[in-house]
Amino acid sequence: QRHVIVSSETSRLLPATDTRTPSNAMPPKGGGGGDKTKQFFDGIRSQKQDGIRWCLNYGGVSAATRDEDGFTGLHQAALQGRPRSLETILDHIRKSHMSRGGGDIRAPATDRRRKRCDELEDKCEDAGMTAMMHACQKGAFECVRLLHECNCSWTVKSDAGMTAYDYAVKNKKEDIIAWYKRGCQDPEEEEVDDGIEEIEGETATERRKRVKALKAGGDKHSFAAKKTEEANKDSDDEAAVALGPGPAPVWDEVIANKAKGEADLAITKVGDEKEIDPALFFCLHVNNLKLKMPPGVLTQLPAEIKQLASLTTLIVSNNSLKQLPEELLLLDHLKNLEFADNAVESLPEDMADLENLEVVDACRNKLASVEPLQGLCNLVTLKLDQNKIKSLSLSYKKLTRLGTLSASHNQISSLDDKMGRLHALTSLNLSSNSLKELPTELGDLSEKVLHHLNLDDNPLKDHKAKKILEKGRAPIKELLAHLRKEGESGKGKKKGKGKKKAESGSEDDEEEE
């Protein structure tokens, strides 16, 4: 007989759960009766996310429920290296924690609304290890990433006095060790002598696919970029002379940068810092700028940002920005723009002026629309997770280089048929939205290029598509084949309106031109 064990500390945080099955709720196919705890842990092993969700929502099982060996669902998902199961449980914990007024567990540690979530730090009974420790010991890199995103502790110690990082070191999990040493950031891409420049934000797989796509279709972009750089160099030098040396620097980082003339400048301020050193905007030689101020300080970028005309990378994530200034659009060389974890509600209307932009990371803001991004044709990576976006209004026909598109945890209810034209797409994440239908044109994507697909937690009406997605990681080939078959048979969205629909699609194509 299996027993449900809930720690006294955790049970105080958990809402009372009615173990009776609601009359309007049906268990997943094949799971109508029997031991719900066994069904829960079996679902974790097979990564049947609907089954896991049903057990948590209706089966009387909680995130703190333990199996006969004293492991919770988080422990088992981490032990077995089951990232899809782990993500499902973490989403449930997140929603429960927020409903209790504990804030978003994925929010930055500086967010005062976020409170400790004890379920994430529950320890197994035999060794006193957390899920993060088990994932590091196992070498389950994707599980480690998911747990880190939910702010699971790296400093808590097991009964043996070891941290999660200690377990990674002991078991020689080099990828986790290297990632941790880089501040839990993606590792820098290896240099490849292929004549195509590297782009921040790309994984090795995404880069290989992009290089292949560019070589197949001809790289029209790098040559144009070099010509533009040469043409603008003289004008940048003239601007530097016109501005002069600027005020005396105050920050040590700015003093050192101006003295050495380095292209990279990273500034992180904590404590009582109230304003930006004005001399920062006279470091005209800087190409890559990362700026993080204390909470509540940087609510908008100063107009002087336009003076840094040589910027190719601007990272202002984890600040308190409410908007992006129009002056930002004057940074003609900008390729990488990251402003995740802010409070930006809208984008400048003329974002298309940043025609060289390749990477945009706008995760965890308050964006309701991405229409200003329509004119950006050189995008390679676009991350829009955890916003309030209702529609992905993009110029798909022109996005011939887009390799990564991630817009999970939004309010997207439908997809544009033209999304199937993203032939360089290697990763697509649209999980936790309001999608009821998938356009059959998605079947035009290539399973040889598309390596990651996540459509979990959407109310899809297509039962076969849902069943395919429940099979485990990346059932891409089968899903795309199903969508193609639906399109050919006329059951899908593509054929629903006959010739009239086809004619209107042609008109849309002409408008995009």
Protein backbone atom coordinates (compact mmCIF):
# COMPACT_ATOMS: atom_id res chain seq x y z
CA GLN A 1 0.00 0.00 0.00
CA ARG A 2 1.33 3.43 -0.95
CA HIS A 3 1.11 6.25 1.54
CA VAL A 4 0.74 9.98 0.92
CA ILE A 5 3.17 11.85 3.14
CA VAL A 6 3.07 15.63 3.39
CA SER A 7 5.65 17.48 5.45
CA SER A 8 4.18 19.57 8.25
CA GLU A 9 5.95 22.67 6.94
CA THR A 10 4.56 22.23 3.45
CA SER A 11 1.06 21.25 4.51
CA ARG A 12 0.52 24.63 6.13
CA LEU A 13 1.01 26.28 2.74
CA LEU A 14 -1.19 23.94 0.73
CA PRO A 15 -4.89 24.74 0.25
CA ALA A 16 -7.39 22.15 1.38
CA THR A 17 -7.94 19.65 -1.43
CA ASP A 18 -11.23 17.88 -2.10
CA THR A 19 -10.26 14.32 -2.94
CA ARG A 20 -13.61 13.59 -4.55
CA THR A 21 -13.70 13.68 -8.34
CA PRO A 22 -16.00 16.48 -9.56
CA SER A 23 -19.00 15.28 -11.50
CA ASN A 24 -18.01 17.30 -14.55
CA ALA A 25 -14.35 16.16 -14.57
CA MET A 26 -13.27 12.98 -16.30
CA PRO A 27 -9.93 11.28 -15.70
CA PRO A 28 -7.57 10.77 -18.64
CA LYS A 29 -8.19 7.80 -20.88
CA GLY A 30 -7.23 4.61 -19.11
CA GLY A 31 -6.98 6.27 -15.68
CA GLY A 32 -10.54 6.19 -14.42
CA GLY A 33 -9.97 4.48 -11.08
CA GLY A 34 -7.36 2.93 -8.88
CA ASP A 35 -4.55 4.52 -6.94
CA LYS A 36 -4.29 8.19 -7.97
CA THR A 37 -0.84 8.48 -6.39
CA LYS A 38 0.41 5.61 -8.57
CA GLN A 39 -1.24 7.20 -11.60
CA PHE A 40 0.52 10.48 -10.78
CA PHE A 41 4.01 8.97 -10.56
CA ASP A 42 3.40 6.72 -13.57
CA GLY A 43 2.42 9.88 -15.50
CA ILE A 44 5.70 11.51 -14.50
CA ARG A 45 7.69 8.56 -15.80
CA SER A 46 5.81 8.48 -19.15
CA GLN A 47 5.51 12.30 -19.32
CA LYS A 48 1.72 12.19 -19.78
CA GLN A 49 1.05 15.78 -18.88
CA ASP A 50 -2.74 15.63 -19.01
CA GLY A 51 -2.67 12.76 -16.52
CA ILE A 52 -0.33 14.66 -14.20
CA ARG A 53 -2.52 17.77 -14.35
CA TRP A 54 -5.68 15.75 -13.65
CA CYS A 55 -4.13 14.13 -10.58
CA LEU A 56 -3.02 17.51 -9.23
CA ASN A 57 -6.30 19.26 -9.95
CA TYR A 58 -8.89 16.55 -9.28
CA GLY A 59 -7.24 13.41 -7.96
CA GLY A 60 -6.43 14.54 -4.43
CA VAL A 61 -2.69 14.58 -5.20
CA SER A 62 -0.56 17.60 -4.33
CA ALA A 63 2.95 18.70 -5.25
CA ALA A 64 4.05 17.49 -1.79
CA THR A 65 2.62 13.97 -2.22
CA ARG A 66 5.33 11.35 -1.82
CA ASP A 67 5.72 7.85 -3.22
CA GLU A 68 6.56 4.81 -1.09
CA ASP A 69 10.26 5.72 -1.26
CA GLY A 70 9.70 9.22 0.12
CA PHE A 71 10.12 11.15 -3.13
CA THR A 72 7.81 13.94 -4.32
CA GLY A 73 6.83 14.42 -7.95
CA LEU A 74 9.51 17.08 -8.35
CA HIS A 75 12.13 14.65 -7.03
CA GLN A 76 11.11 11.88 -9.39
CA ALA A 77 10.90 14.14 -12.46
CA ALA A 78 14.42 15.41 -11.71
CA LEU A 79 15.77 11.93 -10.87
CA GLN A 80 14.44 10.45 -14.10
CA GLY A 81 15.30 13.45 -16.28
CA ARG A 82 11.70 14.17 -17.30
CA PRO A 83 11.61 17.91 -18.16
CA ARG A 84 8.06 17.91 -19.55
CA SER A 85 6.70 16.31 -16.39
CA LEU A 86 8.78 18.66 -14.26
CA GLU A 87 7.49 21.71 -16.13
CA THR A 88 3.88 20.57 -15.61
CA ILE A 89 4.37 20.21 -11.85
CA LEU A 90 6.21 23.53 -11.62
CA ASP A 91 3.38 25.27 -13.47
CA HIS A 92 0.90 23.83 -10.98
CA ILE A 93 3.03 24.98 -8.03
CA ARG A 94 3.38 28.42 -9.61
CA LYS A 95 -0.37 28.87 -10.03
CA SER A 96 -1.10 27.59 -6.51
CA HIS A 97 1.57 29.84 -5.01
CA MET A 98 0.21 32.90 -6.82
CA SER A 99 -3.35 32.10 -5.74
CA ARG A 100 -2.16 32.12 -2.13
CA GLY A 101 -0.64 35.58 -2.59
CA GLY A 102 2.92 34.30 -2.74
CA GLY A 103 3.81 36.01 -6.01
CA ASP A 104 5.29 34.50 -9.18
CA ILE A 105 8.01 31.91 -8.44
CA ARG A 106 9.57 32.80 -11.80
CA ALA A 107 9.86 36.48 -10.87
CA PRO A 108 13.33 37.93 -10.16
CA ALA A 109 14.57 37.55 -6.58
CA THR A 110 14.38 41.36 -6.28
CA ASP A 111 10.60 41.28 -6.75
CA ARG A 112 9.21 42.04 -3.29
CA ARG A 113 5.92 40.35 -4.13
CA ARG A 114 7.61 36.97 -4.44
CA LYS A 115 7.65 34.89 -1.27
CA ARG A 116 9.45 31.68 -0.43
CA CYS A 117 7.84 28.58 -1.95
CA ASP A 118 8.61 25.63 0.34
CA GLU A 119 7.43 22.99 -2.16
CA LEU A 120 10.46 23.79 -4.32
CA GLU A 121 12.87 23.05 -1.47
CA ASP A 122 11.21 19.84 -0.17
CA LYS A 123 13.84 17.19 0.53
CA CYS A 124 13.62 13.44 -0.05
CA GLU A 125 13.52 11.29 3.04
CA ASP A 126 16.59 9.09 2.60
CA ALA A 127 19.29 11.67 1.76
CA GLY A 128 17.65 15.03 2.37
CA MET A 129 18.15 16.13 -1.24
CA THR A 130 16.06 18.70 -3.13
CA ALA A 131 14.87 18.33 -6.73
CA MET A 132 17.67 20.67 -7.84
CA MET A 133 20.24 18.40 -6.18
CA HIS A 134 18.78 15.31 -7.87
CA ALA A 135 18.81 17.03 -11.27
CA CYS A 136 22.46 18.08 -10.83
CA GLN A 137 23.45 14.61 -9.68
CA LYS A 138 21.65 13.04 -12.63
CA GLY A 139 23.04 15.57 -15.09
CA ALA A 140 19.53 16.46 -16.28
CA PHE A 141 20.46 19.83 -17.75
CA GLU A 142 16.98 20.79 -18.97
CA CYS A 143 15.53 19.99 -15.54
CA VAL A 144 18.20 22.13 -13.89
CA ARG A 145 17.27 25.02 -16.19
CA LEU A 146 13.56 24.72 -15.35
CA LEU A 147 14.22 24.60 -11.60
CA HIS A 148 16.60 27.55 -11.81
CA GLU A 149 13.98 29.59 -13.71
CA CYS A 150 11.65 29.00 -10.75
CA ASN A 151 14.31 30.29 -8.35
CA CYS A 152 15.09 26.93 -6.73
CA SER A 153 17.94 27.30 -4.27
CA TRP A 154 21.56 26.51 -5.14
CA THR A 155 22.72 27.06 -1.55
CA VAL A 156 20.47 24.67 0.44
CA LYS A 157 22.47 21.67 1.70
CA SER A 158 21.54 17.99 1.86
CA ASP A 159 22.00 15.71 4.87
CA ALA A 160 25.52 15.09 3.54
CA GLY A 161 26.25 18.83 3.69
CA MET A 162 26.37 19.23 -0.10
CA THR A 163 24.72 21.83 -2.35
CA ALA A 164 23.24 21.20 -5.78
CA TYR A 165 26.42 22.51 -7.41
CA ASP A 166 28.51 20.16 -5.23
CA TYR A 167 26.58 17.20 -6.66
CA ALA A 168 27.23 18.40 -10.22
CA VAL A 169 30.96 18.65 -9.45
CA LYS A 170 31.11 15.27 -7.68
CA ASN A 171 29.45 13.53 -10.62
CA LYS A 172 31.42 15.48 -13.25
CA LYS A 173 28.42 17.03 -15.01
CA GLU A 174 30.53 19.42 -17.04
CA ASP A 175 27.69 21.12 -18.93
CA ILE A 176 25.94 22.09 -15.68
CA ILE A 177 29.21 23.15 -14.05
CA ALA A 178 30.15 25.40 -16.97
CA TRP A 179 26.62 26.87 -17.11
CA TYR A 180 26.66 27.61 -13.38
CA LYS A 181 30.07 29.29 -13.59
CA ARG A 182 28.72 31.57 -16.33
CA GLY A 183 26.02 32.80 -13.98
CA CYS A 184 23.46 30.30 -15.33
CA GLN A 185 23.64 31.90 -18.75
CA ASP A 186 23.89 30.05 -22.06
CA PRO A 187 27.52 29.29 -22.95
CA GLU A 188 29.21 31.31 -25.64
CA GLU A 189 29.04 29.72 -29.05
CA GLU A 190 32.12 28.01 -30.40
CA GLU A 191 33.88 29.86 -33.15
CA VAL A 192 33.12 28.43 -36.54
CA ASP A 193 35.20 29.45 -39.50
CA ASP A 194 32.29 29.62 -41.94
CA GLY A 195 32.40 33.32 -42.78
CA ILE A 196 29.08 33.93 -41.00
CA GLU A 197 29.17 35.98 -37.82
CA GLU A 198 27.84 34.61 -34.55
CA ILE A 199 24.64 35.91 -32.97
CA GLU A 200 24.00 36.13 -29.26
CA GLY A 201 21.04 34.10 -28.06
CA GLU A 202 21.54 31.18 -30.46
CA THR A 203 22.22 27.63 -29.33
CA ALA A 204 24.74 25.51 -31.21
CA THR A 205 21.92 23.64 -32.95
CA GLU A 206 20.15 26.85 -33.96
CA ARG A 207 23.39 28.23 -35.36
CA ARG A 208 24.09 25.12 -37.42
CA LYS A 209 20.60 25.24 -38.93
CA ARG A 210 20.83 28.97 -39.64
CA VAL A 211 24.22 28.57 -41.32
CA LYS A 212 22.82 25.72 -43.41
CA ALA A 213 19.79 27.80 -44.41
CA LEU A 214 21.92 30.82 -45.29
CA LYS A 215 24.32 28.78 -47.37
CA ALA A 216 21.44 27.16 -49.21
CA GLY A 217 19.73 30.44 -49.98
CA GLY A 218 22.76 32.71 -50.22
CA ASP A 219 23.84 35.04 -47.46
CA LYS A 220 22.60 38.44 -48.58
CA HIS A 221 22.88 39.96 -45.16
CA SER A 222 26.50 39.81 -43.98
CA PHE A 223 27.86 41.59 -47.07
CA ALA A 224 25.28 44.35 -46.77
CA ALA A 225 26.06 44.74 -43.08
CA LYS A 226 29.79 45.13 -43.79
CA LYS A 227 29.13 47.76 -46.45
CA THR A 228 26.86 49.69 -44.07
CA GLU A 229 29.49 49.55 -41.32
CA GLU A 230 32.16 50.95 -43.61
CA ALA A 231 29.86 53.70 -44.86
CA ASN A 232 28.95 54.85 -41.35
CA LYS A 233 32.41 54.69 -39.75
CA ASP A 234 33.40 58.19 -40.83
CA SER A 235 30.12 59.70 -39.63
CA ASP A 236 30.55 58.03 -36.21
CA ASP A 237 34.02 59.55 -35.87
CA GLU A 238 32.61 62.98 -36.68
CA ALA A 239 29.91 62.55 -34.02
CA ALA A 240 32.56 61.71 -31.41
CA VAL A 241 34.43 64.92 -32.16
CA ALA A 242 31.23 66.96 -31.96
CA LEU A 243 30.22 65.57 -28.57
CA GLY A 244 33.56 66.08 -26.92
CA PRO A 245 34.94 64.13 -23.93
CA GLY A 246 31.85 64.63 -21.76
CA PRO A 247 31.68 64.92 -17.95
CA ALA A 248 34.19 63.29 -15.62
CA PRO A 249 33.14 59.67 -14.94
CA VAL A 250 31.95 58.69 -11.47
CA TRP A 251 31.45 54.92 -11.68
CA ASP A 252 34.57 52.75 -11.48
CA GLU A 253 33.36 50.69 -14.44
CA VAL A 254 33.09 53.79 -16.64
CA ILE A 255 36.46 55.12 -15.49
CA ALA A 256 38.15 51.81 -16.37
CA ASN A 257 36.35 51.51 -19.68
CA LYS A 258 37.25 54.99 -20.86
CA ALA A 259 40.87 54.41 -19.85
CA LYS A 260 41.18 51.11 -21.73
CA GLY A 261 38.81 51.87 -24.60
CA GLU A 262 37.20 48.43 -24.37
CA ALA A 263 34.24 47.47 -26.55
CA ASP A 264 32.40 45.61 -23.76
CA LEU A 265 30.90 47.32 -20.72
CA ALA A 266 28.84 45.51 -18.06
CA ILE A 267 27.48 47.44 -15.09
CA THR A 268 25.43 46.02 -12.21
CA LYS A 269 24.54 48.39 -9.39
CA VAL A 270 23.04 47.51 -6.01
CA GLY A 271 22.28 49.41 -2.85
CA ASP A 272 21.53 53.13 -2.80
CA GLU A 273 22.53 54.01 -6.38
CA LYS A 274 19.84 56.44 -7.62
CA GLU A 275 20.91 57.56 -11.09
CA ILE A 276 23.09 56.69 -14.06
CA ASP A 277 26.57 58.14 -14.37
CA PRO A 278 26.19 60.71 -17.22
CA ALA A 279 29.69 59.85 -18.44
CA LEU A 280 28.41 56.44 -19.49
CA PHE A 281 26.84 57.99 -22.56
CA PHE A 282 30.21 59.33 -23.68
CA CYS A 283 31.79 55.87 -23.93
CA LEU A 284 31.30 56.12 -27.68
CA HIS A 285 33.60 53.18 -28.46
CA VAL A 286 31.37 50.67 -26.61
CA ASN A 287 29.73 47.99 -28.77
CA ASN A 288 28.18 45.81 -26.07
CA LEU A 289 26.47 47.37 -23.06
CA LYS A 290 24.79 45.57 -20.16
CA LEU A 291 23.19 47.78 -17.52
CA LYS A 292 21.33 46.71 -14.38
CA MET A 293 20.27 49.21 -11.73
CA PRO A 294 18.69 48.64 -8.29
CA PRO A 295 14.92 47.94 -8.26
CA GLY A 296 12.78 50.95 -9.12
CA VAL A 297 15.66 53.15 -10.34
CA LEU A 298 15.78 52.66 -14.11
CA THR A 299 12.18 53.28 -15.20
CA GLN A 300 13.20 54.68 -18.58
CA LEU A 301 16.35 54.87 -20.66
CA PRO A 302 17.73 58.41 -20.98
CA ALA A 303 17.50 60.04 -24.40
CA GLU A 304 21.32 60.21 -24.34
CA ILE A 305 21.36 56.52 -25.24
CA LYS A 306 21.37 57.69 -28.86
CA GLN A 307 24.95 58.92 -28.40
CA LEU A 308 26.19 55.32 -28.17
CA ALA A 309 25.90 54.96 -31.92
CA SER A 310 28.33 52.01 -32.08
CA LEU A 311 26.17 49.73 -29.96
CA THR A 312 25.47 46.32 -31.44
CA THR A 313 24.23 44.76 -28.17
CA LEU A 314 22.12 46.44 -25.48
CA ILE A 315 21.04 44.41 -22.44
CA VAL A 316 18.85 46.20 -19.89
CA SER A 317 17.06 43.18 -18.42
CA ASN A 318 15.98 43.01 -14.77
CA ASN A 319 15.24 46.71 -14.38
CA SER A 320 12.01 48.70 -13.96
CA LEU A 321 11.57 50.04 -17.49
CA LYS A 322 8.04 51.08 -18.44
CA GLN A 323 8.81 52.00 -22.03
CA LEU A 324 11.58 52.15 -24.62
CA PRO A 325 12.59 55.64 -25.80
CA GLU A 326 12.24 56.76 -29.40
CA GLU A 327 15.95 57.67 -29.30
CA LEU A 328 16.71 53.96 -29.18
CA LEU A 329 15.65 53.76 -32.83
CA LEU A 330 18.67 55.86 -33.80
CA LEU A 331 21.06 53.02 -32.95
CA ASP A 332 21.51 51.86 -36.52
CA HIS A 333 24.04 49.12 -35.72
CA LEU A 334 21.98 47.46 -32.98
CA LYS A 335 21.66 43.70 -33.49
CA ASN A 336 20.85 42.38 -30.02
CA LEU A 337 18.22 44.03 -27.79
CA GLU A 338 17.34 42.39 -24.47
CA PHE A 339 14.94 43.97 -21.98
CA ALA A 340 13.47 40.95 -20.22
CA ASP A 341 12.05 41.24 -16.68
CA ASN A 342 10.84 44.83 -16.89
CA ALA A 343 7.38 46.43 -17.08
CA VAL A 344 7.32 47.61 -20.71
CA GLU A 345 3.73 47.88 -21.94
CA SER A 346 4.27 48.86 -25.58
CA LEU A 347 6.98 49.09 -28.23
CA PRO A 348 7.97 52.17 -30.26
CA GLU A 349 5.90 52.30 -33.45
CA ASP A 350 8.94 52.66 -35.68
CA MET A 351 10.85 49.61 -34.45
CA ALA A 352 11.37 48.72 -38.11
CA ASP A 353 14.02 51.46 -38.18
CA LEU A 354 16.29 49.00 -36.34
CA GLU A 355 16.69 47.06 -39.57
CA ASN A 356 19.81 45.21 -38.39
CA LEU A 357 18.12 43.80 -35.29
CA GLU A 358 18.63 40.04 -35.03
CA VAL A 359 17.86 39.17 -31.40
CA VAL A 360 14.97 40.49 -29.29
CA ASP A 361 14.36 39.24 -25.75
CA ALA A 362 11.24 40.86 -24.27
CA CYS A 363 10.24 38.09 -21.85
CA ARG A 364 8.30 38.89 -18.69
CA ASN A 365 7.05 42.36 -19.52
CA LYS A 366 3.51 43.68 -20.03
CA LEU A 367 3.39 43.79 -23.83
CA ALA A 368 -0.07 43.44 -25.37
CA SER A 369 0.98 43.82 -29.02
CA VAL A 370 4.04 43.06 -31.15
CA GLU A 371 2.84 44.80 -34.32
CA PRO A 372 5.79 47.27 -34.26
CA LEU A 373 8.07 44.28 -34.91
CA GLN A 374 6.44 43.58 -38.29
CA GLY A 375 9.04 45.46 -40.28
CA LEU A 376 12.02 43.62 -38.78
CA CYS A 377 13.24 41.21 -41.46
CA ASN A 378 16.60 40.08 -40.06
CA LEU A 379 15.34 38.56 -36.80
CA VAL A 380 17.01 35.31 -35.82
CA THR A 381 15.79 34.99 -32.21
CA LEU A 382 12.52 36.39 -30.85
CA LYS A 383 11.56 35.73 -27.22
CA LEU A 384 8.23 37.06 -25.93
CA ASP A 385 7.37 34.71 -23.06
CA GLN A 386 5.13 35.79 -20.18
CA ASN A 387 3.55 38.93 -21.58
CA LYS A 388 -0.09 39.79 -22.41
CA ILE A 389 0.14 39.24 -26.16
CA LYS A 390 -3.08 38.20 -27.91
CA SER A 391 -1.80 37.90 -31.47
CA LEU A 392 1.57 37.23 -33.11
CA SER A 393 1.32 39.84 -35.86
CA LEU A 394 4.57 39.37 -37.74
CA SER A 395 5.69 39.50 -41.38
CA TYR A 396 6.34 35.78 -41.62
CA LYS A 397 7.12 35.82 -45.32
CA LYS A 398 10.05 38.17 -44.73
CA LEU A 399 11.43 36.40 -41.65
CA THR A 400 13.66 34.08 -43.67
CA ARG A 401 16.31 33.94 -40.92
CA LEU A 402 14.13 33.41 -37.85
CA GLY A 403 15.41 30.36 -35.98
CA THR A 404 13.86 30.74 -32.51
CA LEU A 405 10.34 31.93 -31.73
CA SER A 406 9.17 31.67 -28.12
CA ALA A 407 5.91 33.23 -26.90
CA SER A 408 4.75 30.96 -24.08
CA HIS A 409 2.44 32.10 -21.25
CA ASN A 410 0.57 34.71 -23.25
CA GLN A 411 -3.05 35.06 -24.41
CA ILE A 412 -2.61 34.00 -28.04
CA SER A 413 -5.84 32.45 -29.33
CA SER A 414 -4.97 31.85 -33.00
CA LEU A 415 -1.97 31.57 -35.31
CA ASP A 416 -1.37 33.11 -38.71
CA ASP A 417 -1.44 30.62 -41.59
CA LYS A 418 1.80 32.13 -42.87
CA MET A 419 3.75 30.84 -39.87
CA GLY A 420 4.43 27.75 -41.98
CA ARG A 421 6.78 29.89 -44.10
CA LEU A 422 9.40 30.06 -41.34
CA HIS A 423 11.64 27.54 -43.05
CA ALA A 424 14.71 28.37 -40.91
CA LEU A 425 12.79 27.81 -37.65
CA THR A 426 14.61 25.44 -35.28
CA SER A 427 12.66 26.13 -32.06
CA LEU A 428 8.99 27.05 -31.52
CA ASN A 429 7.46 27.47 -28.05
CA LEU A 430 3.81 28.51 -27.81
CA SER A 431 2.91 26.68 -24.61
CA SER A 432 0.40 28.03 -22.08
CA ASN A 433 -1.67 30.09 -24.47
CA SER A 434 -5.31 29.90 -25.63
CA LEU A 435 -4.83 28.06 -28.92
CA LYS A 436 -7.81 25.96 -29.97
CA GLU A 437 -6.70 25.29 -33.55
CA LEU A 438 -3.40 24.81 -35.34
CA PRO A 439 -3.28 26.03 -38.95
CA THR A 440 -2.55 23.15 -41.27
CA GLU A 441 0.07 25.36 -42.92
CA LEU A 442 2.32 24.59 -39.94
CA GLY A 443 2.81 21.28 -41.71
CA ASP A 444 4.94 23.20 -44.23
CA LEU A 445 7.67 23.49 -41.57
CA SER A 446 10.52 21.03 -41.99
CA GLU A 447 11.06 18.37 -39.32
CA LYS A 448 14.69 18.26 -40.46
CA VAL A 449 15.14 21.87 -39.32
CA LEU A 450 12.61 22.20 -36.48
CA HIS A 451 14.19 20.48 -33.47
CA HIS A 452 12.13 21.84 -30.57
CA LEU A 453 8.35 22.27 -30.42
CA ASN A 454 6.27 23.01 -27.32
CA LEU A 455 2.51 23.48 -27.59
CA ASP A 456 1.61 22.23 -24.10
CA ASP A 457 -1.20 23.73 -22.04
CA ASN A 458 -3.36 24.91 -24.93
CA PRO A 459 -7.08 24.00 -25.24
CA LEU A 460 -6.63 22.33 -28.63
CA LYS A 461 -9.80 20.90 -30.18
CA ASP A 462 -7.85 18.52 -32.41
CA HIS A 463 -7.79 15.40 -30.22
CA LYS A 464 -5.29 13.58 -32.41
CA ALA A 465 -2.87 16.50 -32.26
CA LYS A 466 -3.21 16.55 -28.46
CA LYS A 467 -2.55 12.83 -28.29
CA ILE A 468 0.57 13.21 -30.41
CA LEU A 469 1.87 16.01 -28.20
CA GLU A 470 1.40 13.87 -25.09
CA LYS A 471 3.76 11.16 -26.32
CA GLY A 472 6.92 12.75 -25.00
CA ARG A 473 9.60 15.10 -26.17
CA ALA A 474 9.47 16.62 -29.63
CA PRO A 475 6.93 14.46 -31.53
CA ILE A 476 7.54 16.91 -34.36
CA LYS A 477 7.59 14.64 -37.39
CA GLU A 478 4.30 12.96 -36.48
CA LEU A 479 2.53 16.23 -35.70
CA LEU A 480 3.63 17.93 -38.93
CA ALA A 481 2.58 14.87 -40.92
CA HIS A 482 -0.83 14.98 -39.23
CA LEU A 483 -1.29 18.68 -40.08
CA ARG A 484 -0.33 18.05 -43.70
CA LYS A 485 -2.84 15.23 -43.90
CA GLU A 486 -5.53 17.44 -42.38
CA GLY A 487 -4.79 20.12 -44.95
CA GLU A 488 -4.95 17.67 -47.85
CA SER A 489 -8.24 16.19 -46.63
CA GLY A 490 -9.84 19.61 -46.21
CA LYS A 491 -10.55 19.13 -42.50
CA GLY A 492 -8.13 21.76 -41.33
CA LYS A 493 -8.35 25.51 -41.15
CA LYS A 494 -6.55 25.88 -44.46
CA LYS A 495 -9.36 24.45 -46.60
CA GLY A 496 -12.28 25.58 -44.49
CA LYS A 497 -13.37 28.48 -46.71
CA GLY A 498 -12.58 27.08 -50.10
CA LYS A 499 -11.51 29.16 -53.04
CA LYS A 500 -12.52 32.43 -51.44
CA LYS A 501 -10.05 31.78 -48.65
CA ALA A 502 -7.29 30.98 -51.11
CA GLU A 503 -7.94 34.19 -53.02
CA SER A 504 -7.85 36.30 -49.86
CA GLY A 505 -4.56 34.63 -48.95
CA SER A 506 -3.06 35.77 -52.25
CA GLU A 507 -4.14 39.33 -51.52
CA ASP A 508 -2.43 39.12 -48.13
CA ASP A 509 0.74 38.00 -49.87
CA GLU A 510 0.62 41.02 -52.15
CA GLU A 511 0.16 43.34 -49.18
CA GLU A 512 3.27 41.85 -47.53
CA GLU A 513 5.29 42.59 -50.61
